[in-house]
Structure formats: structure tokens, C-alpha cells
Amino acid sequence: MLTGKQVRYLRSLGHHLQPVVMVGKEEVNDQVIASVDQALLTHELIKVRLQEGCTTPRAKVAETLAQGTGAEVAQVLGRTILLYRTSDKNLIELPKAR
């Protein structure tokens, strides 16, 4: 579980990122979850963009993607979801939890 300080830090890092996975009219399926999983392996912190065709509520999409990949939801803002999962690469060093 991320602390408030860690979430703020991740949000600051994610501000300049471009979305790497798009969720459209096909909604969340195994292929989308696999794409998110692969992107998290590579980057640790990614943006997922919900396109107009996606009718599932954004909070539900974020929850489903997080559960399917073992990630944490750092932010849901508009049609963009910011996901974080640490990897063996340790690309992002989070602030220490108290």
C-alpha cells in the first residue's frame, strides 16, 4: 500500500508521461491486462488512457487493471489512470514510509 507522500511523488513523476496503453470499446480484457503487465515490467510507472468507446466506469477499470497486474493505482484523473508496480530493476525509488 502506498503512503500519501509516495502517491504524490508518483503523481509528480507521471505528470509528463505519455499513455502507453489505451482502453477502448473492447474494454478491459486479457490482452489489455497483458499489455499493462508488460509495460509495468519495463517502466514501473505508466499511464493508461480510456478512450471514448470505453463505457466501464474509470474507477472500475483502474481497479481491474491493478488487480490483474498486481499494481497500485497512483491516480485516476479524467480519462487517465496512473499505475505503479515495482520491478527487479528498481527504476523508481519511492520516499520512505514513516
PDB file of N, CA and C in Angstrom:
ATOM      1  N   MET A   1       0.836  -1.177   0.000  1.00  0.00           N
ATOM      2  CA  MET A   1       0.000   0.000   0.000  1.00  0.00           C
ATOM      3  C   MET A   1       0.886   1.248   0.000  1.00  0.00           C
ATOM      4  N   LEU A   2       0.566   2.162  -0.862  1.00  0.00           N
ATOM      5  CA  LEU A   2       1.341   3.395  -0.977  1.00  0.00           C
ATOM      6  C   LEU A   2       0.892   4.417   0.058  1.00  0.00           C
ATOM      7  N   THR A   3       1.840   5.154   0.589  1.00  0.00           N
ATOM      8  CA  THR A   3       1.511   6.248   1.508  1.00  0.00           C
ATOM      9  C   THR A   3       1.141   7.489   0.686  1.00  0.00           C
ATOM     10  N   GLY A   4       0.585   8.481   1.354  1.00  0.00           N
ATOM     11  CA  GLY A   4       0.223   9.723   0.676  1.00  0.00           C
ATOM     12  C   GLY A   4       1.423  10.399   0.042  1.00  0.00           C
ATOM     13  N   LYS A   5       2.552  10.385   0.752  1.00  0.00           N
ATOM     14  CA  LYS A   5       3.769  11.001   0.238  1.00  0.00           C
ATOM     15  C   LYS A   5       4.254  10.276  -1.020  1.00  0.00           C
ATOM     16  N   GLN A   6       4.180   8.948  -1.007  1.00  0.00           N
ATOM     17  CA  GLN A   6       4.600   8.162  -2.169  1.00  0.00           C
ATOM     18  C   GLN A   6       3.679   8.405  -3.365  1.00  0.00           C
ATOM     19  N   VAL A   7       2.375   8.499  -3.104  1.00  0.00           N
ATOM     20  CA  VAL A   7       1.417   8.769  -4.185  1.00  0.00           C
ATOM     21  C   VAL A   7       1.700  10.133  -4.801  1.00  0.00           C
ATOM     22  N   ARG A   8       1.937  11.143  -3.977  1.00  0.00           N
ATOM     23  CA  ARG A   8       2.248  12.482  -4.508  1.00  0.00           C
ATOM     24  C   ARG A   8       3.521  12.458  -5.340  1.00  0.00           C
ATOM     25  N   TYR A   9       4.506  11.709  -4.888  1.00  0.00           N
ATOM     26  CA  TYR A   9       5.768  11.594  -5.632  1.00  0.00           C
ATOM     27  C   TYR A   9       5.528  10.938  -6.991  1.00  0.00           C
ATOM     28  N   LEU A  10       4.756   9.840  -6.997  1.00  0.00           N
ATOM     29  CA  LEU A  10       4.458   9.145  -8.261  1.00  0.00           C
ATOM     30  C   LEU A  10       3.647  10.032  -9.198  1.00  0.00           C
ATOM     31  N   ARG A  11       2.711  10.782  -8.657  1.00  0.00           N
ATOM     32  CA  ARG A  11       1.924  11.685  -9.493  1.00  0.00           C
ATOM     33  C   ARG A  11       2.809  12.744 -10.134  1.00  0.00           C
ATOM     34  N   SER A  12       3.804  13.223  -9.393  1.00  0.00           N
ATOM     35  CA  SER A  12       4.719  14.224  -9.955  1.00  0.00           C
ATOM     36  C   SER A  12       5.560  13.611 -11.078  1.00  0.00           C
ATOM     37  N   LEU A  13       5.980  12.363 -10.901  1.00  0.00           N
ATOM     38  CA  LEU A  13       6.743  11.686 -11.957  1.00  0.00           C
ATOM     39  C   LEU A  13       5.867  11.385 -13.177  1.00  0.00           C
ATOM     40  N   GLY A  14       4.622  11.041 -12.928  1.00  0.00           N
ATOM     41  CA  GLY A  14       3.722  10.653 -14.009  1.00  0.00           C
ATOM     42  C   GLY A  14       3.165  11.799 -14.812  1.00  0.00           C
ATOM     43  N   HIS A  15       3.296  13.011 -14.292  1.00  0.00           N
ATOM     44  CA  HIS A  15       2.722  14.178 -14.957  1.00  0.00           C
ATOM     45  C   HIS A  15       3.167  14.301 -16.418  1.00  0.00           C
ATOM     46  N   HIS A  16       4.428  14.030 -16.701  1.00  0.00           N
ATOM     47  CA  HIS A  16       4.968  14.241 -18.043  1.00  0.00           C
ATOM     48  C   HIS A  16       4.926  12.981 -18.918  1.00  0.00           C
ATOM     49  N   LEU A  17       4.446  11.875 -18.369  1.00  0.00           N
ATOM     50  CA  LEU A  17       4.397  10.630 -19.144  1.00  0.00           C
ATOM     51  C   LEU A  17       3.292  10.667 -20.189  1.00  0.00           C
ATOM     52  N   GLN A  18       3.524   9.958 -21.274  1.00  0.00           N
ATOM     53  CA  GLN A  18       2.501   9.763 -22.289  1.00  0.00           C
ATOM     54  C   GLN A  18       1.836   8.413 -22.033  1.00  0.00           C
ATOM     55  N   PRO A  19       0.548   8.274 -22.341  1.00  0.00           N
ATOM     56  CA  PRO A  19      -0.116   6.977 -22.155  1.00  0.00           C
ATOM     57  C   PRO A  19       0.537   5.895 -23.021  1.00  0.00           C
ATOM     58  N   VAL A  20       0.746   4.718 -22.441  1.00  0.00           N
ATOM     59  CA  VAL A  20       1.362   3.620 -23.186  1.00  0.00           C
ATOM     60  C   VAL A  20       0.356   2.526 -23.519  1.00  0.00           C
ATOM     61  N   VAL A  21      -0.798   2.526 -22.856  1.00  0.00           N
ATOM     62  CA  VAL A  21      -1.852   1.549 -23.132  1.00  0.00           C
ATOM     63  C   VAL A  21      -3.159   2.312 -23.267  1.00  0.00           C
ATOM     64  N   MET A  22      -3.952   1.936 -24.260  1.00  0.00           N
ATOM     65  CA  MET A  22      -5.258   2.549 -24.478  1.00  0.00           C
ATOM     66  C   MET A  22      -6.345   1.500 -24.238  1.00  0.00           C
ATOM     67  N   VAL A  23      -7.402   1.900 -23.528  1.00  0.00           N
ATOM     68  CA  VAL A  23      -8.555   1.026 -23.318  1.00  0.00           C
ATOM     69  C   VAL A  23      -9.709   1.626 -24.094  1.00  0.00           C
ATOM     70  N   GLY A  24     -10.218   0.862 -25.061  1.00  0.00           N
ATOM     71  CA  GLY A  24     -11.274   1.361 -25.924  1.00  0.00           C
ATOM     72  C   GLY A  24     -12.539   0.561 -25.811  1.00  0.00           C
ATOM     73  N   LYS A  25     -13.228   0.409 -26.931  1.00  0.00           N
ATOM     74  CA  LYS A  25     -14.539  -0.254 -26.930  1.00  0.00           C
ATOM     75  C   LYS A  25     -14.459  -1.734 -26.577  1.00  0.00           C
ATOM     76  N   GLU A  26     -13.275  -2.317 -26.675  1.00  0.00           N
ATOM     77  CA  GLU A  26     -13.103  -3.718 -26.284  1.00  0.00           C
ATOM     78  C   GLU A  26     -13.079  -3.867 -24.764  1.00  0.00           C
ATOM     79  N   GLU A  27     -13.030  -2.742 -24.053  1.00  0.00           N
ATOM     80  CA  GLU A  27     -12.992  -2.722 -22.595  1.00  0.00           C
ATOM     81  C   GLU A  27     -11.731  -3.420 -22.078  1.00  0.00           C
ATOM     82  N   VAL A  28     -11.730  -3.795 -20.805  1.00  0.00           N
ATOM     83  CA  VAL A  28     -10.581  -4.478 -20.210  1.00  0.00           C
ATOM     84  C   VAL A  28     -10.723  -5.975 -20.490  1.00  0.00           C
ATOM     85  N   ASN A  29      -9.730  -6.512 -21.202  1.00  0.00           N
ATOM     86  CA  ASN A  29      -9.721  -7.945 -21.495  1.00  0.00           C
ATOM     87  C   ASN A  29      -8.322  -8.481 -21.207  1.00  0.00           C
ATOM     88  N   ASP A  30      -8.123  -9.762 -21.456  1.00  0.00           N
ATOM     89  CA  ASP A  30      -6.829 -10.386 -21.160  1.00  0.00           C
ATOM     90  C   ASP A  30      -5.686  -9.734 -21.926  1.00  0.00           C
ATOM     91  N   GLN A  31      -5.948  -9.316 -23.150  1.00  0.00           N
ATOM     92  CA  GLN A  31      -4.913  -8.687 -23.971  1.00  0.00           C
ATOM     93  C   GLN A  31      -4.498  -7.333 -23.383  1.00  0.00           C
ATOM     94  N   VAL A  32      -5.450  -6.558 -22.910  1.00  0.00           N
ATOM     95  CA  VAL A  32      -5.150  -5.257 -22.302  1.00  0.00           C
ATOM     96  C   VAL A  32      -4.367  -5.459 -21.004  1.00  0.00           C
ATOM     97  N   ILE A  33      -4.793  -6.422 -20.195  1.00  0.00           N
ATOM     98  CA  ILE A  33      -4.091  -6.708 -18.942  1.00  0.00           C
ATOM     99  C   ILE A  33      -2.664  -7.157 -19.227  1.00  0.00           C
ATOM    100  N   ALA A  34      -2.468  -7.977 -20.252  1.00  0.00           N
ATOM    101  CA  ALA A  34      -1.119  -8.421 -20.624  1.00  0.00           C
ATOM    102  C   ALA A  34      -0.272  -7.234 -21.083  1.00  0.00           C
ATOM    103  N   SER A  35      -0.857  -6.316 -21.830  1.00  0.00           N
ATOM    104  CA  SER A  35      -0.126  -5.118 -22.285  1.00  0.00           C
ATOM    105  C   SER A  35       0.280  -4.244 -21.106  1.00  0.00           C
ATOM    106  N   VAL A  36      -0.628  -4.059 -20.162  1.00  0.00           N
ATOM    107  CA  VAL A  36      -0.328  -3.260 -18.973  1.00  0.00           C
ATOM    108  C   VAL A  36       0.768  -3.947 -18.158  1.00  0.00           C
ATOM    109  N   ASP A  37       0.667  -5.262 -18.009  1.00  0.00           N
ATOM    110  CA  ASP A  37       1.666  -6.026 -17.266  1.00  0.00           C
ATOM    111  C   ASP A  37       3.055  -5.858 -17.883  1.00  0.00           C
ATOM    112  N   GLN A  38       3.132  -5.961 -19.202  1.00  0.00           N
ATOM    113  CA  GLN A  38       4.416  -5.817 -19.903  1.00  0.00           C
ATOM    114  C   GLN A  38       4.965  -4.396 -19.757  1.00  0.00           C
ATOM    115  N   ALA A  39       4.090  -3.403 -19.877  1.00  0.00           N
ATOM    116  CA  ALA A  39       4.523  -2.007 -19.734  1.00  0.00           C
ATOM    117  C   ALA A  39       5.031  -1.735 -18.317  1.00  0.00           C
ATOM    118  N   LEU A  40       4.376  -2.315 -17.318  1.00  0.00           N
ATOM    119  CA  LEU A  40       4.827  -2.139 -15.934  1.00  0.00           C
ATOM    120  C   LEU A  40       6.174  -2.811 -15.702  1.00  0.00           C
ATOM    121  N   LEU A  41       6.420  -3.937 -16.344  1.00  0.00           N
ATOM    122  CA  LEU A  41       7.725  -4.593 -16.242  1.00  0.00           C
ATOM    123  C   LEU A  41       8.828  -3.695 -16.768  1.00  0.00           C
ATOM    124  N   THR A  42       8.533  -3.003 -17.842  1.00  0.00           N
ATOM    125  CA  THR A  42       9.515  -2.150 -18.491  1.00  0.00           C
ATOM    126  C   THR A  42       9.693  -0.811 -17.781  1.00  0.00           C
ATOM    127  N   HIS A  43       8.585  -0.192 -17.356  1.00  0.00           N
ATOM    128  CA  HIS A  43       8.631   1.199 -16.889  1.00  0.00           C
ATOM    129  C   HIS A  43       8.339   1.418 -15.409  1.00  0.00           C
ATOM    130  N   GLU A  44       7.681   0.507 -14.744  1.00  0.00           N
ATOM    131  CA  GLU A  44       7.234   0.602 -13.350  1.00  0.00           C
ATOM    132  C   GLU A  44       6.076   1.586 -13.147  1.00  0.00           C
ATOM    133  N   LEU A  45       6.082   2.717 -13.829  1.00  0.00           N
ATOM    134  CA  LEU A  45       5.034   3.726 -13.707  1.00  0.00           C
ATOM    135  C   LEU A  45       4.508   4.025 -15.112  1.00  0.00           C
ATOM    136  N   ILE A  46       3.205   3.811 -15.309  1.00  0.00           N
ATOM    137  CA  ILE A  46       2.638   4.024 -16.645  1.00  0.00           C
ATOM    138  C   ILE A  46       1.304   4.762 -16.565  1.00  0.00           C
ATOM    139  N   LYS A  47       0.965   5.371 -17.688  1.00  0.00           N
ATOM    140  CA  LYS A  47      -0.351   5.969 -17.846  1.00  0.00           C
ATOM    141  C   LYS A  47      -1.169   5.088 -18.783  1.00  0.00           C
ATOM    142  N   VAL A  48      -2.430   4.912 -18.419  1.00  0.00           N
ATOM    143  CA  VAL A  48      -3.387   4.192 -19.258  1.00  0.00           C
ATOM    144  C   VAL A  48      -4.471   5.190 -19.612  1.00  0.00           C
ATOM    145  N   ARG A  49      -4.813   5.256 -20.881  1.00  0.00           N
ATOM    146  CA  ARG A  49      -5.813   6.222 -21.353  1.00  0.00           C
ATOM    147  C   ARG A  49      -7.103   5.496 -21.696  1.00  0.00           C
ATOM    148  N   LEU A  50      -8.224   6.004 -21.197  1.00  0.00           N
ATOM    149  CA  LEU A  50      -9.530   5.455 -21.541  1.00  0.00           C
ATOM    150  C   LEU A  50     -10.067   6.240 -22.730  1.00  0.00           C
ATOM    151  N   GLN A  51     -10.346   5.526 -23.794  1.00  0.00           N
ATOM    152  CA  GLN A  51     -10.868   6.193 -24.988  1.00  0.00           C
ATOM    153  C   GLN A  51     -12.382   6.311 -24.899  1.00  0.00           C
ATOM    154  N   GLU A  52     -12.954   7.054 -25.823  1.00  0.00           N
ATOM    155  CA  GLU A  52     -14.388   7.333 -25.805  1.00  0.00           C
ATOM    156  C   GLU A  52     -15.242   6.069 -25.831  1.00  0.00           C
ATOM    157  N   GLY A  53     -14.769   5.009 -26.484  1.00  0.00           N
ATOM    158  CA  GLY A  53     -15.552   3.786 -26.604  1.00  0.00           C
ATOM    159  C   GLY A  53     -15.667   2.982 -25.327  1.00  0.00           C
ATOM    160  N   CYS A  54     -14.853   3.278 -24.347  1.00  0.00           N
ATOM    161  CA  CYS A  54     -14.859   2.542 -23.077  1.00  0.00           C
ATOM    162  C   CYS A  54     -16.010   3.050 -22.213  1.00  0.00           C
ATOM    163  N   THR A  55     -16.981   2.177 -21.939  1.00  0.00           N
ATOM    164  CA  THR A  55     -18.160   2.584 -21.177  1.00  0.00           C
ATOM    165  C   THR A  55     -18.089   2.179 -19.705  1.00  0.00           C
ATOM    166  N   THR A  56     -17.109   1.370 -19.347  1.00  0.00           N
ATOM    167  CA  THR A  56     -16.936   0.966 -17.953  1.00  0.00           C
ATOM    168  C   THR A  56     -16.468   2.172 -17.133  1.00  0.00           C
ATOM    169  N   PRO A  57     -17.006   2.356 -15.923  1.00  0.00           N
ATOM    170  CA  PRO A  57     -16.550   3.484 -15.092  1.00  0.00           C
ATOM    171  C   PRO A  57     -15.038   3.428 -14.871  1.00  0.00           C
ATOM    172  N   ARG A  58     -14.421   4.584 -14.881  1.00  0.00           N
ATOM    173  CA  ARG A  58     -12.959   4.650 -14.822  1.00  0.00           C
ATOM    174  C   ARG A  58     -12.394   4.047 -13.544  1.00  0.00           C
ATOM    175  N   ALA A  59     -13.084   4.195 -12.424  1.00  0.00           N
ATOM    176  CA  ALA A  59     -12.604   3.610 -11.168  1.00  0.00           C
ATOM    177  C   ALA A  59     -12.601   2.086 -11.257  1.00  0.00           C
ATOM    178  N   LYS A  60     -13.598   1.526 -11.913  1.00  0.00           N
ATOM    179  CA  LYS A  60     -13.686   0.070 -12.078  1.00  0.00           C
ATOM    180  C   LYS A  60     -12.571  -0.430 -12.999  1.00  0.00           C
ATOM    181  N   VAL A  61     -12.286   0.311 -14.066  1.00  0.00           N
ATOM    182  CA  VAL A  61     -11.187  -0.051 -14.967  1.00  0.00           C
ATOM    183  C   VAL A  61      -9.870  -0.036 -14.207  1.00  0.00           C
ATOM    184  N   ALA A  62      -9.643   1.018 -13.421  1.00  0.00           N
ATOM    185  CA  ALA A  62      -8.401   1.140 -12.650  1.00  0.00           C
ATOM    186  C   ALA A  62      -8.261  -0.027 -11.675  1.00  0.00           C
ATOM    187  N   GLU A  63      -9.337  -0.354 -10.986  1.00  0.00           N
ATOM    188  CA  GLU A  63      -9.321  -1.452 -10.020  1.00  0.00           C
ATOM    189  C   GLU A  63      -9.045  -2.787 -10.702  1.00  0.00           C
ATOM    190  N   THR A  64      -9.680  -3.023 -11.837  1.00  0.00           N
ATOM    191  CA  THR A  64      -9.494  -4.265 -12.576  1.00  0.00           C
ATOM    192  C   THR A  64      -8.066  -4.408 -13.084  1.00  0.00           C
ATOM    193  N   LEU A  65      -7.509  -3.333 -13.635  1.00  0.00           N
ATOM    194  CA  LEU A  65      -6.130  -3.373 -14.119  1.00  0.00           C
ATOM    195  C   LEU A  65      -5.147  -3.579 -12.974  1.00  0.00           C
ATOM    196  N   ALA A  66      -5.375  -2.907 -11.863  1.00  0.00           N
ATOM    197  CA  ALA A  66      -4.490  -3.045 -10.713  1.00  0.00           C
ATOM    198  C   ALA A  66      -4.527  -4.478 -10.168  1.00  0.00           C
ATOM    199  N   GLN A  67      -5.701  -5.040 -10.035  1.00  0.00           N
ATOM    200  CA  GLN A  67      -5.826  -6.413  -9.537  1.00  0.00           C
ATOM    201  C   GLN A  67      -5.226  -7.413 -10.520  1.00  0.00           C
ATOM    202  N   GLY A  68      -5.442  -7.194 -11.794  1.00  0.00           N
ATOM    203  CA  GLY A  68      -4.950  -8.119 -12.808  1.00  0.00           C
ATOM    204  C   GLY A  68      -3.443  -8.118 -12.978  1.00  0.00           C
ATOM    205  N   THR A  69      -2.792  -7.039 -12.555  1.00  0.00           N
ATOM    206  CA  THR A  69      -1.342  -6.923 -12.747  1.00  0.00           C
ATOM    207  C   THR A  69      -0.561  -6.825 -11.440  1.00  0.00           C
ATOM    208  N   GLY A  70      -1.254  -6.739 -10.324  1.00  0.00           N
ATOM    209  CA  GLY A  70      -0.561  -6.587  -9.043  1.00  0.00           C
ATOM    210  C   GLY A  70       0.001  -5.190  -8.852  1.00  0.00           C
ATOM    211  N   ALA A  71      -0.601  -4.214  -9.506  1.00  0.00           N
ATOM    212  CA  ALA A  71      -0.125  -2.835  -9.443  1.00  0.00           C
ATOM    213  C   ALA A  71      -0.924  -2.032  -8.418  1.00  0.00           C
ATOM    214  N   GLU A  72      -0.456  -0.828  -8.171  1.00  0.00           N
ATOM    215  CA  GLU A  72      -1.147   0.133  -7.309  1.00  0.00           C
ATOM    216  C   GLU A  72      -1.667   1.270  -8.183  1.00  0.00           C
ATOM    217  N   VAL A  73      -2.856   1.734  -7.898  1.00  0.00           N
ATOM    218  CA  VAL A  73      -3.394   2.896  -8.601  1.00  0.00           C
ATOM    219  C   VAL A  73      -2.856   4.141  -7.904  1.00  0.00           C
ATOM    220  N   ALA A  74      -2.060   4.917  -8.620  1.00  0.00           N
ATOM    221  CA  ALA A  74      -1.497   6.144  -8.059  1.00  0.00           C
ATOM    222  C   ALA A  74      -2.434   7.326  -8.281  1.00  0.00           C
ATOM    223  N   GLN A  75      -3.210   7.269  -9.382  1.00  0.00           N
ATOM    224  CA  GLN A  75      -4.107   8.388  -9.679  1.00  0.00           C
ATOM    225  C   GLN A  75      -5.100   7.992 -10.758  1.00  0.00           C
ATOM    226  N   VAL A  76      -6.312   8.515 -10.626  1.00  0.00           N
ATOM    227  CA  VAL A  76      -7.305   8.461 -11.690  1.00  0.00           C
ATOM    228  C   VAL A  76      -7.730   9.905 -11.898  1.00  0.00           C
ATOM    229  N   LEU A  77      -7.413  10.431 -13.064  1.00  0.00           N
ATOM    230  CA  LEU A  77      -7.705  11.832 -13.353  1.00  0.00           C
ATOM    231  C   LEU A  77      -8.289  11.925 -14.752  1.00  0.00           C
ATOM    232  N   GLY A  78      -9.523  12.353 -14.827  1.00  0.00           N
ATOM    233  CA  GLY A  78     -10.178  12.406 -16.125  1.00  0.00           C
ATOM    234  C   GLY A  78     -10.256  11.016 -16.719  1.00  0.00           C
ATOM    235  N   ARG A  79      -9.768  10.865 -17.925  1.00  0.00           N
ATOM    236  CA  ARG A  79      -9.783   9.565 -18.596  1.00  0.00           C
ATOM    237  C   ARG A  79      -8.405   8.904 -18.562  1.00  0.00           C
ATOM    238  N   THR A  80      -7.583   9.300 -17.602  1.00  0.00           N
ATOM    239  CA  THR A  80      -6.223   8.781 -17.486  1.00  0.00           C
ATOM    240  C   THR A  80      -6.034   8.109 -16.132  1.00  0.00           C
ATOM    241  N   ILE A  81      -5.399   6.939 -16.172  1.00  0.00           N
ATOM    242  CA  ILE A  81      -5.098   6.178 -14.962  1.00  0.00           C
ATOM    243  C   ILE A  81      -3.586   6.054 -14.855  1.00  0.00           C
ATOM    244  N   LEU A  82      -3.052   6.311 -13.672  1.00  0.00           N
ATOM    245  CA  LEU A  82      -1.624   6.183 -13.419  1.00  0.00           C
ATOM    246  C   LEU A  82      -1.418   4.953 -12.531  1.00  0.00           C
ATOM    247  N   LEU A  83      -0.666   3.977 -13.039  1.00  0.00           N
ATOM    248  CA  LEU A  83      -0.416   2.729 -12.324  1.00  0.00           C
ATOM    249  C   LEU A  83       1.058   2.586 -11.995  1.00  0.00           C
ATOM    250  N   TYR A  84       1.336   2.000 -10.828  1.00  0.00           N
ATOM    251  CA  TYR A  84       2.716   1.774 -10.386  1.00  0.00           C
ATOM    252  C   TYR A  84       2.874   0.349  -9.873  1.00  0.00           C
ATOM    253  N   ARG A  85       3.957  -0.273 -10.283  1.00  0.00           N
ATOM    254  CA  ARG A  85       4.351  -1.567  -9.727  1.00  0.00           C
ATOM    255  C   ARG A  85       5.864  -1.643  -9.765  1.00  0.00           C
ATOM    256  N   THR A  86       6.464  -1.925  -8.632  1.00  0.00           N
ATOM    257  CA  THR A  86       7.910  -2.037  -8.576  1.00  0.00           C
ATOM    258  C   THR A  86       8.369  -3.274  -9.347  1.00  0.00           C
ATOM    259  N   SER A  87       9.586  -3.228  -9.828  1.00  0.00           N
ATOM    260  CA  SER A  87      10.150  -4.368 -10.550  1.00  0.00           C
ATOM    261  C   SER A  87      11.550  -4.638 -10.025  1.00  0.00           C
ATOM    262  N   ASP A  88      12.173  -5.662 -10.563  1.00  0.00           N
ATOM    263  CA  ASP A  88      13.542  -6.000 -10.161  1.00  0.00           C
ATOM    264  C   ASP A  88      14.530  -4.895 -10.536  1.00  0.00           C
ATOM    265  N   LYS A  89      14.170  -4.087 -11.510  1.00  0.00           N
ATOM    266  CA  LYS A  89      15.059  -3.022 -11.989  1.00  0.00           C
ATOM    267  C   LYS A  89      15.173  -1.867 -11.009  1.00  0.00           C
ATOM    268  N   ASN A  90      14.159  -1.702 -10.142  1.00  0.00           N
ATOM    269  CA  ASN A  90      14.124  -0.580  -9.199  1.00  0.00           C
ATOM    270  C   ASN A  90      14.414   0.752  -9.886  1.00  0.00           C
ATOM    271  N   LEU A  91      13.646   1.051 -10.911  1.00  0.00           N
ATOM    272  CA  LEU A  91      13.824   2.296 -11.656  1.00  0.00           C
ATOM    273  C   LEU A  91      13.403   3.512 -10.841  1.00  0.00           C
ATOM    274  N   ILE A  92      12.404   3.338  -9.989  1.00  0.00           N
ATOM    275  CA  ILE A  92      11.868   4.443  -9.202  1.00  0.00           C
ATOM    276  C   ILE A  92      12.100   4.142  -7.729  1.00  0.00           C
ATOM    277  N   GLU A  93      12.748   5.072  -7.038  1.00  0.00           N
ATOM    278  CA  GLU A  93      12.947   4.914  -5.605  1.00  0.00           C
ATOM    279  C   GLU A  93      11.925   5.790  -4.892  1.00  0.00           C
ATOM    280  N   LEU A  94      10.991   5.143  -4.211  1.00  0.00           N
ATOM    281  CA  LEU A  94       9.939   5.854  -3.521  1.00  0.00           C
ATOM    282  C   LEU A  94      10.452   6.476  -2.232  1.00  0.00           C
ATOM    283  N   PRO A  95       9.832   7.593  -1.814  1.00  0.00           N
ATOM    284  CA  PRO A  95      10.163   8.134  -0.497  1.00  0.00           C
ATOM    285  C   PRO A  95       9.846   7.089   0.572  1.00  0.00           C
ATOM    286  N   LYS A  96      10.608   7.082   1.631  1.00  0.00           N
ATOM    287  CA  LYS A  96      10.412   6.109   2.703  1.00  0.00           C
ATOM    288  C   LYS A  96       9.080   6.336   3.406  1.00  0.00           C
ATOM    289  N   ALA A  97       8.412   5.225   3.736  1.00  0.00           N
ATOM    290  CA  ALA A  97       7.200   5.300   4.550  1.00  0.00           C
ATOM    291  C   ALA A  97       7.611   5.498   6.000  1.00  0.00           C
ATOM    292  N   ARG A  98       6.833   6.250   6.721  1.00  0.00           N
ATOM    293  CA  ARG A  98       7.182   6.509   8.130  1.00  0.00           C
ATOM    294  C   ARG A  98       6.879   5.327   8.982  1.00  0.00           C
TER     295      ARG A  98
END
